């Protein structure tokens, strides 16, 4: 018998001072049995950083054909494809062919550095790709904010996301590893 996903609820208030986006989101997150608290919170951080009324969680680990988050237009075309973790370059290049924008939130400390050193040069031709690296200590601290029902505020300013809850706050610096050429 397969294990079922664990359901988490999050009331997320987003104040993105860079995009002038201020909105409340009531989110339901399904955490796959093999997913860690850290990865789930990175997905939530990615949602806050890209918040939009059309942004939604994909099936993620449950379906290799869907991203962790995506935003589609009214025709179903993928406007934004978002991955959390260390996806292989074939998956990223495939996403770059399917979506207008692709964003990767890499985390894992030294493993993320090694991953980027390996795949970074292979992604040089991906014109619509942005890659952020998240500090290991910050993602570990984010995982300490996990509750089955969460009330979170995310303030985004100058390349940093400040996530606050009743249990404390975590500042996550978004280190840009790659941005599309302007």
Protein backbone atom coordinates (compact mmCIF):
# COMPACT_ATOMS: atom_id res chain seq x y z
CA UNK A 1 0.00 0.00 0.00
CA UNK A 2 1.42 3.37 -1.04
CA UNK A 3 1.86 6.09 1.53
CA UNK A 4 -0.32 9.15 1.07
CA UNK A 5 0.78 12.78 1.03
CA UNK A 6 0.52 14.77 4.24
CA UNK A 7 -1.57 17.92 3.88
CA UNK A 8 -0.39 21.27 5.25
CA UNK A 9 -2.29 24.55 5.25
CA UNK A 10 -0.59 27.92 5.01
CA UNK A 11 -1.98 31.43 5.27
CA UNK A 12 0.70 33.40 3.46
CA UNK A 13 0.85 37.18 3.38
CA UNK A 14 3.19 38.38 0.65
CA UNK A 15 4.67 41.88 0.60
CA UNK A 16 6.96 42.05 -2.42
CA UNK A 17 8.45 45.53 -2.30
CA UNK A 18 10.36 44.97 -5.55
CA UNK A 19 7.29 44.10 -7.67
CA UNK A 20 4.78 46.12 -5.60
CA UNK A 21 2.76 42.95 -5.02
CA UNK A 22 0.80 42.75 -1.76
CA UNK A 23 -1.58 39.83 -1.40
CA UNK A 24 -2.81 37.13 0.97
CA UNK A 25 -2.83 33.51 -0.19
CA UNK A 26 -4.53 30.52 1.45
CA UNK A 27 -2.46 27.56 0.33
CA UNK A 28 -2.76 23.81 0.61
CA UNK A 29 0.53 21.95 0.32
CA UNK A 30 0.66 18.21 -0.22
CA UNK A 31 3.94 16.87 1.14
CA UNK A 32 5.02 13.69 -0.60
CA UNK A 33 6.16 10.96 1.85
CA UNK A 34 9.74 11.27 0.57
CA UNK A 35 9.78 15.07 0.79
CA UNK A 36 11.53 16.78 3.71
CA UNK A 37 10.24 19.76 5.68
CA UNK A 38 13.14 21.75 4.20
CA UNK A 39 12.09 21.04 0.60
CA UNK A 40 8.45 21.84 1.32
CA UNK A 41 9.45 25.19 2.82
CA UNK A 42 11.69 25.96 -0.16
CA UNK A 43 8.62 25.39 -2.36
CA UNK A 44 6.65 27.77 -0.14
CA UNK A 45 9.46 30.34 -0.33
CA UNK A 46 9.48 29.99 -4.13
CA UNK A 47 5.73 30.59 -4.14
CA UNK A 48 6.16 33.77 -2.08
CA UNK A 49 8.98 35.03 -4.29
CA UNK A 50 6.95 34.47 -7.49
CA UNK A 51 3.47 35.08 -6.05
CA UNK A 52 0.79 35.65 -8.66
CA UNK A 53 -2.91 34.84 -8.80
CA UNK A 54 -2.22 32.20 -11.47
CA UNK A 55 0.70 30.50 -9.70
CA UNK A 56 -0.08 27.00 -8.43
CA UNK A 57 1.69 24.00 -7.00
CA UNK A 58 2.35 21.16 -9.41
CA UNK A 59 2.41 17.50 -8.49
CA UNK A 60 6.16 17.82 -7.95
CA UNK A 61 7.68 14.56 -6.74
CA UNK A 62 4.51 12.66 -7.59
CA UNK A 63 4.74 13.44 -11.33
CA UNK A 64 8.02 13.82 -13.20
CA UNK A 65 6.27 15.77 -15.99
CA UNK A 66 5.18 18.63 -13.72
CA UNK A 67 7.26 21.24 -11.90
CA UNK A 68 7.05 22.11 -8.23
CA UNK A 69 5.16 25.30 -9.16
CA UNK A 70 3.89 26.73 -12.38
CA UNK A 71 1.93 29.55 -13.84
CA UNK A 72 -0.09 28.97 -17.00
CA UNK A 73 -2.01 31.39 -19.16
CA UNK A 74 -5.67 30.97 -20.12
CA UNK A 75 -4.73 28.72 -23.06
CA UNK A 76 -2.74 26.38 -20.81
CA UNK A 77 0.66 27.54 -22.11
CA UNK A 78 3.29 27.57 -19.37
CA UNK A 79 4.43 31.08 -18.52
CA UNK A 80 6.63 30.18 -15.53
CA UNK A 81 8.10 26.80 -14.51
CA UNK A 82 9.66 26.64 -11.02
CA UNK A 83 11.82 23.87 -9.57
CA UNK A 84 13.13 23.42 -6.01
CA UNK A 85 16.27 21.39 -5.47
CA UNK A 86 18.97 20.17 -7.82
CA UNK A 87 17.29 19.04 -11.06
CA UNK A 88 19.41 17.51 -13.82
CA UNK A 89 20.23 19.60 -16.86
CA UNK A 90 17.99 17.59 -19.21
CA UNK A 91 14.94 18.41 -17.06
CA UNK A 92 15.88 22.10 -16.95
CA UNK A 93 16.49 22.32 -20.71
CA UNK A 94 13.19 20.54 -21.38
CA UNK A 95 11.42 23.04 -19.10
CA UNK A 96 13.15 25.92 -20.94
CA UNK A 97 11.62 24.62 -24.15
CA UNK A 98 8.12 24.42 -22.64
CA UNK A 99 7.94 27.65 -20.60
CA UNK A 100 8.52 31.35 -21.11
CA UNK A 101 10.51 31.54 -17.85
CA UNK A 102 12.21 28.82 -15.80
CA UNK A 103 13.36 29.42 -12.23
CA UNK A 104 15.38 27.02 -10.08
CA UNK A 105 15.82 27.41 -6.30
CA UNK A 106 18.90 25.32 -5.49
CA UNK A 107 19.58 24.42 -1.88
CA UNK A 108 21.63 21.90 0.04
CA UNK A 109 24.87 23.67 0.94
CA UNK A 110 27.94 22.06 -0.57
CA UNK A 111 25.81 19.71 -2.69
CA UNK A 112 24.22 22.73 -4.39
CA UNK A 113 27.66 24.19 -5.14
CA UNK A 114 28.83 20.93 -6.68
CA UNK A 115 25.59 20.62 -8.66
CA UNK A 116 25.97 24.12 -10.10
CA UNK A 117 29.63 23.56 -11.01
CA UNK A 118 28.54 20.47 -12.93
CA UNK A 119 25.36 21.68 -14.67
CA UNK A 120 25.98 25.43 -14.95
CA UNK A 121 28.15 25.28 -18.09
CA UNK A 122 25.68 22.91 -19.77
CA UNK A 123 22.88 25.48 -19.31
CA UNK A 124 24.65 28.34 -21.08
CA UNK A 125 22.24 28.24 -24.02
CA UNK A 126 19.09 28.42 -21.83
CA UNK A 127 18.08 32.03 -22.52
CA UNK A 128 15.02 32.00 -20.20
CA UNK A 129 16.61 30.46 -17.09
CA UNK A 130 17.13 32.00 -13.64
CA UNK A 131 18.92 30.06 -10.91
CA UNK A 132 19.02 31.08 -7.23
CA UNK A 133 21.11 29.46 -4.54
CA UNK A 134 19.70 29.43 -1.01
CA UNK A 135 22.01 29.35 2.04
CA UNK A 136 22.03 26.01 3.83
CA UNK A 137 21.56 27.52 7.31
CA UNK A 138 18.54 29.54 6.14
CA UNK A 139 16.74 26.56 4.60
CA UNK A 140 17.42 24.55 7.75
CA UNK A 141 15.90 27.37 9.82
CA UNK A 142 12.89 27.54 7.48
CA UNK A 143 12.17 23.88 8.18
CA UNK A 144 11.84 24.73 11.88
CA UNK A 145 8.80 26.91 11.07
CA UNK A 146 6.77 23.96 9.75
CA UNK A 147 3.40 23.33 11.35
CA UNK A 148 0.37 21.50 9.93
CA UNK A 149 -1.37 24.90 9.90
CA UNK A 150 0.92 27.88 9.36
CA UNK A 151 0.42 31.64 9.36
CA UNK A 152 3.37 33.19 7.55
CA UNK A 153 4.40 36.59 6.27
CA UNK A 154 6.95 36.93 3.48
CA UNK A 155 8.57 40.30 2.87
CA UNK A 156 10.70 40.51 -0.27
CA UNK A 157 13.20 43.31 -0.66
CA UNK A 158 16.65 43.73 -2.21
CA UNK A 159 17.22 40.07 -3.02
CA UNK A 160 16.11 38.80 0.37
CA UNK A 161 12.96 37.04 1.57
CA UNK A 162 12.11 37.50 5.23
CA UNK A 163 9.72 34.75 6.36
CA UNK A 164 8.00 35.39 9.68
CA UNK A 165 5.68 33.21 11.77
CA UNK A 166 4.59 32.95 15.39
CA UNK A 167 7.68 30.79 15.94
CA UNK A 168 10.23 33.30 14.68
CA UNK A 169 11.63 34.70 11.48
CA UNK A 170 14.18 33.60 8.89
CA UNK A 171 15.98 35.86 6.42
CA UNK A 172 16.84 34.05 3.19
CA UNK A 173 19.31 35.73 0.85
CA UNK A 174 18.69 34.79 -2.78
CA UNK A 175 22.13 34.38 -4.35
CA UNK A 176 21.70 34.74 -8.11
CA UNK A 177 23.76 32.12 -9.94
CA UNK A 178 22.27 32.85 -13.35
CA UNK A 179 19.88 35.37 -14.86
CA UNK A 180 18.59 35.63 -18.42
CA UNK A 181 20.47 38.15 -20.54
CA UNK A 182 18.53 41.41 -20.81
